[in-house]
Amino acid sequence: MIDAGKLVHDGDLRGLIKTMDPDKRVSFTLTGEPPAAEELALLGSVLARDGQRITLKVGERDIPSVVGQLLGPLKAADLAIEDPPLEDVLRVMFGKAKEAP
């Protein structure tokens, strides 16, 4: 990828995502009462909350413990773990490229 005539990334898409935004998006639906905001903040950064459907930004190394909490005590009905959207990664990448001297 080139920005303003400068090479900002030379490699595969997976490597770009890991470099620019290594955190995962964990989306889930709870079957019971949603936990308080403070309890959710212990799992990750809340990106979206729509009733029982919640999306968190979670560090890759924290995924196993977060999934354990969601499938155990919090009783999530469904669960999806995804990389960040490509648009977000590109926004971060070009933002960082513009900050470089």
PDB file of N, CA and C in Angstrom:
ATOM      1  N   MET A   1       0.840  -1.169   0.000  1.00  0.00           N
ATOM      2  CA  MET A   1       0.000   0.000   0.000  1.00  0.00           C
ATOM      3  C   MET A   1       0.890   1.238   0.000  1.00  0.00           C
ATOM      4  N   ILE A   2       0.459   2.192  -0.769  1.00  0.00           N
ATOM      5  CA  ILE A   2       1.214   3.432  -0.899  1.00  0.00           C
ATOM      6  C   ILE A   2       0.303   4.585  -0.495  1.00  0.00           C
ATOM      7  N   ASP A   3       0.825   5.497   0.286  1.00  0.00           N
ATOM      8  CA  ASP A   3       0.092   6.688   0.702  1.00  0.00           C
ATOM      9  C   ASP A   3       0.958   7.906   0.404  1.00  0.00           C
ATOM     10  N   ALA A   4       0.432   8.815  -0.410  1.00  0.00           N
ATOM     11  CA  ALA A   4       1.144  10.033  -0.784  1.00  0.00           C
ATOM     12  C   ALA A   4       2.544   9.726  -1.337  1.00  0.00           C
ATOM     13  N   GLY A   5       2.638   8.658  -2.134  1.00  0.00           N
ATOM     14  CA  GLY A   5       3.896   8.313  -2.763  1.00  0.00           C
ATOM     15  C   GLY A   5       4.868   7.546  -1.886  1.00  0.00           C
ATOM     16  N   LYS A   6       4.475   7.226  -0.654  1.00  0.00           N
ATOM     17  CA  LYS A   6       5.356   6.480   0.249  1.00  0.00           C
ATOM     18  C   LYS A   6       4.765   5.109   0.530  1.00  0.00           C
ATOM     19  N   LEU A   7       5.636   4.116   0.560  1.00  0.00           N
ATOM     20  CA  LEU A   7       5.229   2.757   0.888  1.00  0.00           C
ATOM     21  C   LEU A   7       4.924   2.684   2.382  1.00  0.00           C
ATOM     22  N   VAL A   8       3.679   2.310   2.719  1.00  0.00           N
ATOM     23  CA  VAL A   8       3.308   2.206   4.133  1.00  0.00           C
ATOM     24  C   VAL A   8       3.098   0.754   4.571  1.00  0.00           C
ATOM     25  N   HIS A   9       2.908  -0.163   3.604  1.00  0.00           N
ATOM     26  CA  HIS A   9       2.806  -1.589   3.951  1.00  0.00           C
ATOM     27  C   HIS A   9       3.111  -2.416   2.717  1.00  0.00           C
ATOM     28  N   ASP A  10       3.949  -3.429   2.908  1.00  0.00           N
ATOM     29  CA  ASP A  10       4.270  -4.368   1.846  1.00  0.00           C
ATOM     30  C   ASP A  10       4.160  -5.763   2.441  1.00  0.00           C
ATOM     31  N   GLY A  11       3.028  -6.407   2.218  1.00  0.00           N
ATOM     32  CA  GLY A  11       2.823  -7.735   2.783  1.00  0.00           C
ATOM     33  C   GLY A  11       1.376  -8.165   2.630  1.00  0.00           C
ATOM     34  N   ASP A  12       1.025  -9.253   3.301  1.00  0.00           N
ATOM     35  CA  ASP A  12      -0.321  -9.790   3.186  1.00  0.00           C
ATOM     36  C   ASP A  12      -1.304  -9.056   4.092  1.00  0.00           C
ATOM     37  N   LEU A  13      -2.580  -9.260   3.828  1.00  0.00           N
ATOM     38  CA  LEU A  13      -3.649  -8.591   4.570  1.00  0.00           C
ATOM     39  C   LEU A  13      -3.664  -9.005   6.037  1.00  0.00           C
ATOM     40  N   ARG A  14      -3.455 -10.280   6.326  1.00  0.00           N
ATOM     41  CA  ARG A  14      -3.460 -10.762   7.710  1.00  0.00           C
ATOM     42  C   ARG A  14      -2.353 -10.077   8.514  1.00  0.00           C
ATOM     43  N   GLY A  15      -1.187  -9.930   7.919  1.00  0.00           N
ATOM     44  CA  GLY A  15      -0.082  -9.242   8.582  1.00  0.00           C
ATOM     45  C   GLY A  15      -0.395  -7.783   8.832  1.00  0.00           C
ATOM     46  N   LEU A  16      -1.067  -7.156   7.876  1.00  0.00           N
ATOM     47  CA  LEU A  16      -1.474  -5.761   8.042  1.00  0.00           C
ATOM     48  C   LEU A  16      -2.411  -5.603   9.228  1.00  0.00           C
ATOM     49  N   ILE A  17      -3.392  -6.483   9.323  1.00  0.00           N
ATOM     50  CA  ILE A  17      -4.358  -6.423  10.428  1.00  0.00           C
ATOM     51  C   ILE A  17      -3.653  -6.629  11.762  1.00  0.00           C
ATOM     52  N   LYS A  18      -2.783  -7.623  11.855  1.00  0.00           N
ATOM     53  CA  LYS A  18      -2.068  -7.886  13.113  1.00  0.00           C
ATOM     54  C   LYS A  18      -1.185  -6.717  13.524  1.00  0.00           C
ATOM     55  N   THR A  19      -0.609  -6.024  12.548  1.00  0.00           N
ATOM     56  CA  THR A  19       0.266  -4.898  12.841  1.00  0.00           C
ATOM     57  C   THR A  19      -0.518  -3.661  13.268  1.00  0.00           C
ATOM     58  N   MET A  20      -1.580  -3.361  12.559  1.00  0.00           N
ATOM     59  CA  MET A  20      -2.316  -2.116  12.788  1.00  0.00           C
ATOM     60  C   MET A  20      -3.331  -2.206  13.926  1.00  0.00           C
ATOM     61  N   ASP A  21      -4.022  -3.337  14.040  1.00  0.00           N
ATOM     62  CA  ASP A  21      -5.058  -3.478  15.076  1.00  0.00           C
ATOM     63  C   ASP A  21      -5.172  -4.953  15.454  1.00  0.00           C
ATOM     64  N   PRO A  22      -4.305  -5.435  16.342  1.00  0.00           N
ATOM     65  CA  PRO A  22      -4.282  -6.860  16.666  1.00  0.00           C
ATOM     66  C   PRO A  22      -5.459  -7.337  17.536  1.00  0.00           C
ATOM     67  N   ASP A  23      -6.240  -6.417  18.082  1.00  0.00           N
ATOM     68  CA  ASP A  23      -7.353  -6.820  18.940  1.00  0.00           C
ATOM     69  C   ASP A  23      -8.472  -7.458  18.121  1.00  0.00           C
ATOM     70  N   LYS A  24      -9.263  -8.280  18.782  1.00  0.00           N
ATOM     71  CA  LYS A  24     -10.386  -8.968  18.146  1.00  0.00           C
ATOM     72  C   LYS A  24     -11.690  -8.299  18.552  1.00  0.00           C
ATOM     73  N   ARG A  25     -12.732  -8.548  17.781  1.00  0.00           N
ATOM     74  CA  ARG A  25     -14.078  -8.107  18.106  1.00  0.00           C
ATOM     75  C   ARG A  25     -14.849  -9.337  18.561  1.00  0.00           C
ATOM     76  N   VAL A  26     -15.376  -9.306  19.776  1.00  0.00           N
ATOM     77  CA  VAL A  26     -16.139 -10.426  20.326  1.00  0.00           C
ATOM     78  C   VAL A  26     -17.581  -9.959  20.467  1.00  0.00           C
ATOM     79  N   SER A  27     -18.464 -10.556  19.671  1.00  0.00           N
ATOM     80  CA  SER A  27     -19.889 -10.223  19.710  1.00  0.00           C
ATOM     81  C   SER A  27     -20.640 -11.398  20.305  1.00  0.00           C
ATOM     82  N   PHE A  28     -21.610 -11.090  21.155  1.00  0.00           N
ATOM     83  CA  PHE A  28     -22.364 -12.152  21.818  1.00  0.00           C
ATOM     84  C   PHE A  28     -23.743 -11.648  22.226  1.00  0.00           C
ATOM     85  N   THR A  29     -24.638 -12.594  22.439  1.00  0.00           N
ATOM     86  CA  THR A  29     -25.979 -12.304  22.932  1.00  0.00           C
ATOM     87  C   THR A  29     -26.142 -13.046  24.249  1.00  0.00           C
ATOM     88  N   LEU A  30     -26.572 -12.325  25.271  1.00  0.00           N
ATOM     89  CA  LEU A  30     -26.762 -12.930  26.583  1.00  0.00           C
ATOM     90  C   LEU A  30     -28.194 -13.422  26.742  1.00  0.00           C
ATOM     91  N   THR A  31     -28.357 -14.490  27.491  1.00  0.00           N
ATOM     92  CA  THR A  31     -29.691 -15.034  27.719  1.00  0.00           C
ATOM     93  C   THR A  31     -30.339 -14.436  28.966  1.00  0.00           C
ATOM     94  N   GLY A  32     -29.545 -13.985  29.897  1.00  0.00           N
ATOM     95  CA  GLY A  32     -30.077 -13.417  31.135  1.00  0.00           C
ATOM     96  C   GLY A  32     -29.889 -11.915  31.176  1.00  0.00           C
ATOM     97  N   GLU A  33     -29.909 -11.392  32.380  1.00  0.00           N
ATOM     98  CA  GLU A  33     -29.706  -9.960  32.582  1.00  0.00           C
ATOM     99  C   GLU A  33     -28.296  -9.566  32.162  1.00  0.00           C
ATOM    100  N   PRO A  34     -28.168  -8.497  31.371  1.00  0.00           N
ATOM    101  CA  PRO A  34     -26.818  -8.061  31.005  1.00  0.00           C
ATOM    102  C   PRO A  34     -26.079  -7.537  32.225  1.00  0.00           C
ATOM    103  N   PRO A  35     -24.790  -7.783  32.280  1.00  0.00           N
ATOM    104  CA  PRO A  35     -24.006  -7.297  33.418  1.00  0.00           C
ATOM    105  C   PRO A  35     -23.881  -5.768  33.382  1.00  0.00           C
ATOM    106  N   ALA A  36     -23.513  -5.216  34.505  1.00  0.00           N
ATOM    107  CA  ALA A  36     -23.288  -3.776  34.596  1.00  0.00           C
ATOM    108  C   ALA A  36     -22.123  -3.378  33.694  1.00  0.00           C
ATOM    109  N   ALA A  37     -22.097  -2.123  33.312  1.00  0.00           N
ATOM    110  CA  ALA A  37     -21.035  -1.608  32.436  1.00  0.00           C
ATOM    111  C   ALA A  37     -19.658  -1.863  33.028  1.00  0.00           C
ATOM    112  N   GLU A  38     -19.536  -1.749  34.342  1.00  0.00           N
ATOM    113  CA  GLU A  38     -18.241  -1.968  35.001  1.00  0.00           C
ATOM    114  C   GLU A  38     -17.775  -3.413  34.828  1.00  0.00           C
ATOM    115  N   GLU A  39     -18.703  -4.344  34.896  1.00  0.00           N
ATOM    116  CA  GLU A  39     -18.357  -5.763  34.738  1.00  0.00           C
ATOM    117  C   GLU A  39     -17.935  -6.054  33.293  1.00  0.00           C
ATOM    118  N   LEU A  40     -18.627  -5.452  32.337  1.00  0.00           N
ATOM    119  CA  LEU A  40     -18.251  -5.624  30.933  1.00  0.00           C
ATOM    120  C   LEU A  40     -16.880  -5.024  30.658  1.00  0.00           C
ATOM    121  N   ALA A  41     -16.577  -3.908  31.291  1.00  0.00           N
ATOM    122  CA  ALA A  41     -15.290  -3.239  31.086  1.00  0.00           C
ATOM    123  C   ALA A  41     -14.127  -4.120  31.536  1.00  0.00           C
ATOM    124  N   LEU A  42     -14.378  -5.044  32.456  1.00  0.00           N
ATOM    125  CA  LEU A  42     -13.335  -5.973  32.886  1.00  0.00           C
ATOM    126  C   LEU A  42     -13.001  -6.988  31.787  1.00  0.00           C
ATOM    127  N   LEU A  43     -13.949  -7.210  30.873  1.00  0.00           N
ATOM    128  CA  LEU A  43     -13.739  -8.162  29.780  1.00  0.00           C
ATOM    129  C   LEU A  43     -13.065  -7.511  28.573  1.00  0.00           C
ATOM    130  N   GLY A  44     -13.372  -6.246  28.322  1.00  0.00           N
ATOM    131  CA  GLY A  44     -12.829  -5.541  27.162  1.00  0.00           C
ATOM    132  C   GLY A  44     -13.518  -4.210  26.983  1.00  0.00           C
ATOM    133  N   SER A  45     -13.160  -3.497  25.944  1.00  0.00           N
ATOM    134  CA  SER A  45     -13.779  -2.199  25.645  1.00  0.00           C
ATOM    135  C   SER A  45     -15.102  -2.435  24.931  1.00  0.00           C
ATOM    136  N   VAL A  46     -16.162  -1.833  25.420  1.00  0.00           N
ATOM    137  CA  VAL A  46     -17.476  -2.000  24.806  1.00  0.00           C
ATOM    138  C   VAL A  46     -17.541  -1.141  23.541  1.00  0.00           C
ATOM    139  N   LEU A  47     -17.743  -1.797  22.405  1.00  0.00           N
ATOM    140  CA  LEU A  47     -17.866  -1.091  21.127  1.00  0.00           C
ATOM    141  C   LEU A  47     -19.317  -0.823  20.777  1.00  0.00           C
ATOM    142  N   ALA A  48     -20.198  -1.753  21.152  1.00  0.00           N
ATOM    143  CA  ALA A  48     -21.624  -1.609  20.851  1.00  0.00           C
ATOM    144  C   ALA A  48     -22.435  -2.392  21.882  1.00  0.00           C
ATOM    145  N   ARG A  49     -23.605  -1.842  22.185  1.00  0.00           N
ATOM    146  CA  ARG A  49     -24.502  -2.526  23.119  1.00  0.00           C
ATOM    147  C   ARG A  49     -25.926  -2.220  22.694  1.00  0.00           C
ATOM    148  N   ASP A  50     -26.642  -3.276  22.311  1.00  0.00           N
ATOM    149  CA  ASP A  50     -28.022  -3.140  21.859  1.00  0.00           C
ATOM    150  C   ASP A  50     -28.847  -4.201  22.575  1.00  0.00           C
ATOM    151  N   GLY A  51     -29.352  -3.838  23.734  1.00  0.00           N
ATOM    152  CA  GLY A  51     -30.103  -4.797  24.543  1.00  0.00           C
ATOM    153  C   GLY A  51     -29.194  -5.917  25.017  1.00  0.00           C
ATOM    154  N   GLN A  52     -29.511  -7.131  24.614  1.00  0.00           N
ATOM    155  CA  GLN A  52     -28.740  -8.307  25.014  1.00  0.00           C
ATOM    156  C   GLN A  52     -27.535  -8.552  24.099  1.00  0.00           C
ATOM    157  N   ARG A  53     -27.455  -7.857  22.962  1.00  0.00           N
ATOM    158  CA  ARG A  53     -26.356  -8.029  22.000  1.00  0.00           C
ATOM    159  C   ARG A  53     -25.249  -7.027  22.310  1.00  0.00           C
ATOM    160  N   ILE A  54     -24.040  -7.545  22.536  1.00  0.00           N
ATOM    161  CA  ILE A  54     -22.906  -6.712  22.953  1.00  0.00           C
ATOM    162  C   ILE A  54     -21.695  -7.060  22.096  1.00  0.00           C
ATOM    163  N   THR A  55     -20.914  -6.049  21.744  1.00  0.00           N
ATOM    164  CA  THR A  55     -19.655  -6.261  21.024  1.00  0.00           C
ATOM    165  C   THR A  55     -18.539  -5.603  21.815  1.00  0.00           C
ATOM    166  N   LEU A  56     -17.500  -6.390  22.079  1.00  0.00           N
ATOM    167  CA  LEU A  56     -16.337  -5.917  22.828  1.00  0.00           C
ATOM    168  C   LEU A  56     -15.096  -5.934  21.950  1.00  0.00           C
ATOM    169  N   LYS A  57     -14.161  -5.061  22.249  1.00  0.00           N
ATOM    170  CA  LYS A  57     -12.826  -5.099  21.665  1.00  0.00           C
ATOM    171  C   LYS A  57     -11.940  -5.751  22.718  1.00  0.00           C
ATOM    172  N   VAL A  58     -11.326  -6.888  22.346  1.00  0.00           N
ATOM    173  CA  VAL A  58     -10.585  -7.695  23.307  1.00  0.00           C
ATOM    174  C   VAL A  58      -9.189  -7.994  22.756  1.00  0.00           C
ATOM    175  N   GLY A  59      -8.187  -7.850  23.590  1.00  0.00           N
ATOM    176  CA  GLY A  59      -6.831  -8.205  23.201  1.00  0.00           C
ATOM    177  C   GLY A  59      -6.745  -9.682  22.870  1.00  0.00           C
ATOM    178  N   GLU A  60      -5.957 -10.005  21.868  1.00  0.00           N
ATOM    179  CA  GLU A  60      -5.870 -11.392  21.393  1.00  0.00           C
ATOM    180  C   GLU A  60      -5.488 -12.365  22.510  1.00  0.00           C
ATOM    181  N   ARG A  61      -4.588 -11.971  23.387  1.00  0.00           N
ATOM    182  CA  ARG A  61      -4.157 -12.878  24.460  1.00  0.00           C
ATOM    183  C   ARG A  61      -5.238 -13.063  25.537  1.00  0.00           C
ATOM    184  N   ASP A  62      -6.226 -12.158  25.578  1.00  0.00           N
ATOM    185  CA  ASP A  62      -7.306 -12.250  26.571  1.00  0.00           C
ATOM    186  C   ASP A  62      -8.510 -13.045  26.079  1.00  0.00           C
ATOM    187  N   ILE A  63      -8.514 -13.431  24.815  1.00  0.00           N
ATOM    188  CA  ILE A  63      -9.664 -14.132  24.227  1.00  0.00           C
ATOM    189  C   ILE A  63     -10.062 -15.387  25.025  1.00  0.00           C
ATOM    190  N   PRO A  64      -9.135 -16.286  25.373  1.00  0.00           N
ATOM    191  CA  PRO A  64      -9.557 -17.497  26.097  1.00  0.00           C
ATOM    192  C   PRO A  64     -10.294 -17.212  27.404  1.00  0.00           C
ATOM    193  N   SER A  65      -9.813 -16.268  28.199  1.00  0.00           N
ATOM    194  CA  SER A  65     -10.488 -15.999  29.477  1.00  0.00           C
ATOM    195  C   SER A  65     -11.832 -15.311  29.260  1.00  0.00           C
ATOM    196  N   VAL A  66     -11.914 -14.421  28.270  1.00  0.00           N
ATOM    197  CA  VAL A  66     -13.184 -13.744  27.986  1.00  0.00           C
ATOM    198  C   VAL A  66     -14.219 -14.756  27.501  1.00  0.00           C
ATOM    199  N   VAL A  67     -13.826 -15.636  26.599  1.00  0.00           N
ATOM    200  CA  VAL A  67     -14.743 -16.666  26.100  1.00  0.00           C
ATOM    201  C   VAL A  67     -15.191 -17.564  27.249  1.00  0.00           C
ATOM    202  N   GLY A  68     -14.284 -17.903  28.148  1.00  0.00           N
ATOM    203  CA  GLY A  68     -14.646 -18.708  29.322  1.00  0.00           C
ATOM    204  C   GLY A  68     -15.710 -18.039  30.170  1.00  0.00           C
ATOM    205  N   GLN A  69     -15.563 -16.733  30.382  1.00  0.00           N
ATOM    206  CA  GLN A  69     -16.564 -15.979  31.152  1.00  0.00           C
ATOM    207  C   GLN A  69     -17.902 -15.930  30.422  1.00  0.00           C
ATOM    208  N   LEU A  70     -17.846 -15.725  29.109  1.00  0.00           N
ATOM    209  CA  LEU A  70     -19.080 -15.613  28.335  1.00  0.00           C
ATOM    210  C   LEU A  70     -19.836 -16.926  28.259  1.00  0.00           C
ATOM    211  N   LEU A  71     -19.125 -18.009  28.091  1.00  0.00           N
ATOM    212  CA  LEU A  71     -19.791 -19.313  27.976  1.00  0.00           C
ATOM    213  C   LEU A  71     -20.112 -19.912  29.338  1.00  0.00           C
ATOM    214  N   GLY A  72     -19.446 -19.437  30.382  1.00  0.00           N
ATOM    215  CA  GLY A  72     -19.689 -19.938  31.730  1.00  0.00           C
ATOM    216  C   GLY A  72     -20.684 -19.077  32.482  1.00  0.00           C
ATOM    217  N   PRO A  73     -20.187 -18.241  33.397  1.00  0.00           N
ATOM    218  CA  PRO A  73     -21.067 -17.461  34.273  1.00  0.00           C
ATOM    219  C   PRO A  73     -22.037 -16.520  33.553  1.00  0.00           C
ATOM    220  N   LEU A  74     -21.643 -15.930  32.430  1.00  0.00           N
ATOM    221  CA  LEU A  74     -22.517 -14.957  31.762  1.00  0.00           C
ATOM    222  C   LEU A  74     -23.533 -15.609  30.828  1.00  0.00           C
ATOM    223  N   LYS A  75     -23.334 -16.870  30.487  1.00  0.00           N
ATOM    224  CA  LYS A  75     -24.282 -17.660  29.692  1.00  0.00           C
ATOM    225  C   LYS A  75     -24.676 -17.005  28.371  1.00  0.00           C
ATOM    226  N   ALA A  76     -23.692 -16.775  27.520  1.00  0.00           N
ATOM    227  CA  ALA A  76     -23.953 -16.214  26.196  1.00  0.00           C
ATOM    228  C   ALA A  76     -24.652 -17.248  25.327  1.00  0.00           C
ATOM    229  N   ALA A  77     -25.676 -16.809  24.593  1.00  0.00           N
ATOM    230  CA  ALA A  77     -26.418 -17.704  23.703  1.00  0.00           C
ATOM    231  C   ALA A  77     -25.653 -17.948  22.407  1.00  0.00           C
ATOM    232  N   ASP A  78     -24.964 -16.943  21.928  1.00  0.00           N
ATOM    233  CA  ASP A  78     -24.129 -17.115  20.745  1.00  0.00           C
ATOM    234  C   ASP A  78     -22.885 -16.255  20.907  1.00  0.00           C
ATOM    235  N   LEU A  79     -21.902 -16.544  20.074  1.00  0.00           N
ATOM    236  CA  LEU A  79     -20.607 -15.894  20.244  1.00  0.00           C
ATOM    237  C   LEU A  79     -19.893 -15.868  18.895  1.00  0.00           C
ATOM    238  N   ALA A  80     -19.329 -14.719  18.543  1.00  0.00           N
ATOM    239  CA  ALA A  80     -18.540 -14.597  17.313  1.00  0.00           C
ATOM    240  C   ALA A  80     -17.267 -13.831  17.636  1.00  0.00           C
ATOM    241  N   ILE A  81     -16.146 -14.327  17.124  1.00  0.00           N
ATOM    242  CA  ILE A  81     -14.849 -13.671  17.300  1.00  0.00           C
ATOM    243  C   ILE A  81     -14.336 -13.327  15.908  1.00  0.00           C
ATOM    244  N   GLU A  82     -14.079 -12.036  15.691  1.00  0.00           N
ATOM    245  CA  GLU A  82     -13.690 -11.581  14.368  1.00  0.00           C
ATOM    246  C   GLU A  82     -12.518 -10.612  14.442  1.00  0.00           C
ATOM    247  N   ASP A  83     -11.816 -10.497  13.326  1.00  0.00           N
ATOM    248  CA  ASP A  83     -10.815  -9.448  13.185  1.00  0.00           C
ATOM    249  C   ASP A  83     -11.559  -8.124  13.036  1.00  0.00           C
ATOM    250  N   PRO A  84     -10.878  -7.024  13.273  1.00  0.00           N
ATOM    251  CA  PRO A  84     -11.527  -5.727  13.081  1.00  0.00           C
ATOM    252  C   PRO A  84     -11.889  -5.536  11.606  1.00  0.00           C
ATOM    253  N   PRO A  85     -12.898  -4.717  11.323  1.00  0.00           N
ATOM    254  CA  PRO A  85     -13.248  -4.454   9.928  1.00  0.00           C
ATOM    255  C   PRO A  85     -12.064  -3.823   9.176  1.00  0.00           C
ATOM    256  N   LEU A  86     -11.911  -4.183   7.928  1.00  0.00           N
ATOM    257  CA  LEU A  86     -10.806  -3.680   7.124  1.00  0.00           C
ATOM    258  C   LEU A  86     -10.812  -2.150   7.073  1.00  0.00           C
ATOM    259  N   GLU A  87     -11.984  -1.544   7.034  1.00  0.00           N
ATOM    260  CA  GLU A  87     -12.071  -0.086   7.000  1.00  0.00           C
ATOM    261  C   GLU A  87     -11.397   0.531   8.222  1.00  0.00           C
ATOM    262  N   ASP A  88     -11.610  -0.079   9.386  1.00  0.00           N
ATOM    263  CA  ASP A  88     -10.993   0.426  10.616  1.00  0.00           C
ATOM    264  C   ASP A  88      -9.476   0.276  10.572  1.00  0.00           C
ATOM    265  N   VAL A  89      -9.015  -0.847  10.044  1.00  0.00           N
ATOM    266  CA  VAL A  89      -7.574  -1.098   9.947  1.00  0.00           C
ATOM    267  C   VAL A  89      -6.924  -0.080   9.012  1.00  0.00           C
ATOM    268  N   LEU A  90      -7.568   0.165   7.880  1.00  0.00           N
ATOM    269  CA  LEU A  90      -7.019   1.136   6.935  1.00  0.00           C
ATOM    270  C   LEU A  90      -7.029   2.549   7.516  1.00  0.00           C
ATOM    271  N   ARG A  91      -8.063   2.874   8.270  1.00  0.00           N
ATOM    272  CA  ARG A  91      -8.131   4.183   8.919  1.00  0.00           C
ATOM    273  C   ARG A  91      -6.958   4.358   9.881  1.00  0.00           C
ATOM    274  N   VAL A  92      -6.666   3.317  10.642  1.00  0.00           N
ATOM    275  CA  VAL A  92      -5.530   3.356  11.570  1.00  0.00           C
ATOM    276  C   VAL A  92      -4.225   3.462  10.791  1.00  0.00           C
ATOM    277  N   MET A  93      -4.101   2.654   9.746  1.00  0.00           N
ATOM    278  CA  MET A  93      -2.866   2.639   8.976  1.00  0.00           C
ATOM    279  C   MET A  93      -2.575   3.995   8.350  1.00  0.00           C
ATOM    280  N   PHE A  94      -3.544   4.576   7.678  1.00  0.00           N
ATOM    281  CA  PHE A  94      -3.295   5.854   7.014  1.00  0.00           C
ATOM    282  C   PHE A  94      -3.178   6.989   8.019  1.00  0.00           C
ATOM    283  N   GLY A  95      -3.823   6.861   9.157  1.00  0.00           N
ATOM    284  CA  GLY A  95      -3.646   7.851  10.231  1.00  0.00           C
ATOM    285  C   GLY A  95      -2.221   7.821  10.742  1.00  0.00           C
ATOM    286  N   LYS A  96      -1.686   6.604  10.945  1.00  0.00           N
ATOM    287  CA  LYS A  96      -0.299   6.467  11.411  1.00  0.00           C
ATOM    288  C   LYS A  96       0.684   6.924  10.349  1.00  0.00           C
ATOM    289  N   ALA A  97       0.385   6.635   9.080  1.00  0.00           N
ATOM    290  CA  ALA A  97       1.289   7.036   8.005  1.00  0.00           C
ATOM    291  C   ALA A  97       1.383   8.553   7.929  1.00  0.00           C
ATOM    292  N   LYS A  98       0.284   9.255   8.183  1.00  0.00           N
ATOM    293  CA  LYS A  98       0.292  10.705   8.113  1.00  0.00           C
ATOM    294  C   LYS A  98       1.020  11.338   9.302  1.00  0.00           C
ATOM    295  N   GLU A  99       1.060  10.604  10.428  1.00  0.00           N
ATOM    296  CA  GLU A  99       1.751  11.109  11.617  1.00  0.00           C
ATOM    297  C   GLU A  99       3.263  10.973  11.493  1.00  0.00           C
ATOM    298  N   ALA A 100       3.724  10.032  10.663  1.00  0.00           N
ATOM    299  CA  ALA A 100       5.171   9.807  10.533  1.00  0.00           C
ATOM    300  C   ALA A 100       5.838  11.024   9.909  1.00  0.00           C
ATOM    301  N   PRO A 101       7.068  11.344  10.372  1.00  0.00           N
ATOM    302  CA  PRO A 101       7.765  12.530   9.842  1.00  0.00           C
ATOM    303  C   PRO A 101       8.186  12.368   8.399  1.00  0.00           C
TER     304      PRO A 101
END
